[in-house]
Amino acid sequence: MKYGFIREQQKTYPVTTLCTVMQVSTSAFYAWAKTPINTAKQDHENQLEARTLDLFEKNKKTYGSRRLSAAFKDEGIQVGRCKARRLMSKLGLQVRYPKRFKVTTDSNHNDTISPNLLNREFDVVAPNKVWTTDITYVWTLEGWLYTHTGHLCCRGD
């Protein structure tokens, strides 16, 4: 940005004065000025980066380099897997793997269903009339470990 400004203004002001004002050395400016301007390639790279971000966000951050490469190919843009990986790395994109949905309740059965006798009325009139229970399960190396705890509701008078 500074060097571009100096390049634009060098027809009007001396380069040494412009470099002093912009706080850059004249040798750095001249080194920058010698490098070829490759704006078409840089524009293409910027467009690829923007499209990579768009595809990644649009697909809920689940696309890796293979899928991104395939998505670019579907759009007619030739981007290989390694290029897609470099783009992801440059942009700091990390793939999120969605957790699989696991069905834990089977409501589609013909078994008898126990009636709801308590009906969420936890205030009881006498002790030892209402019992509740809880099942806790923890995964161990030997399989699931289940613990059962019973609780006596005795909030009555």
Foldseek 3Di string as FASTA:
>chain_A
DLLVVLVVCCVPDPSCVSCVVSVHDSVVSVVVVPDDDDVVVVVVVVVLLVVLVVVCVVVVNADALVNSQVVCVVVVHHDHSVNSNVSCVVVVRDHDDDDDDDDDDDPPDDDDDDDDPCPPVLEDAAWPPDKDKDWDWDQDPVGIDIDIDMDTRGNHD
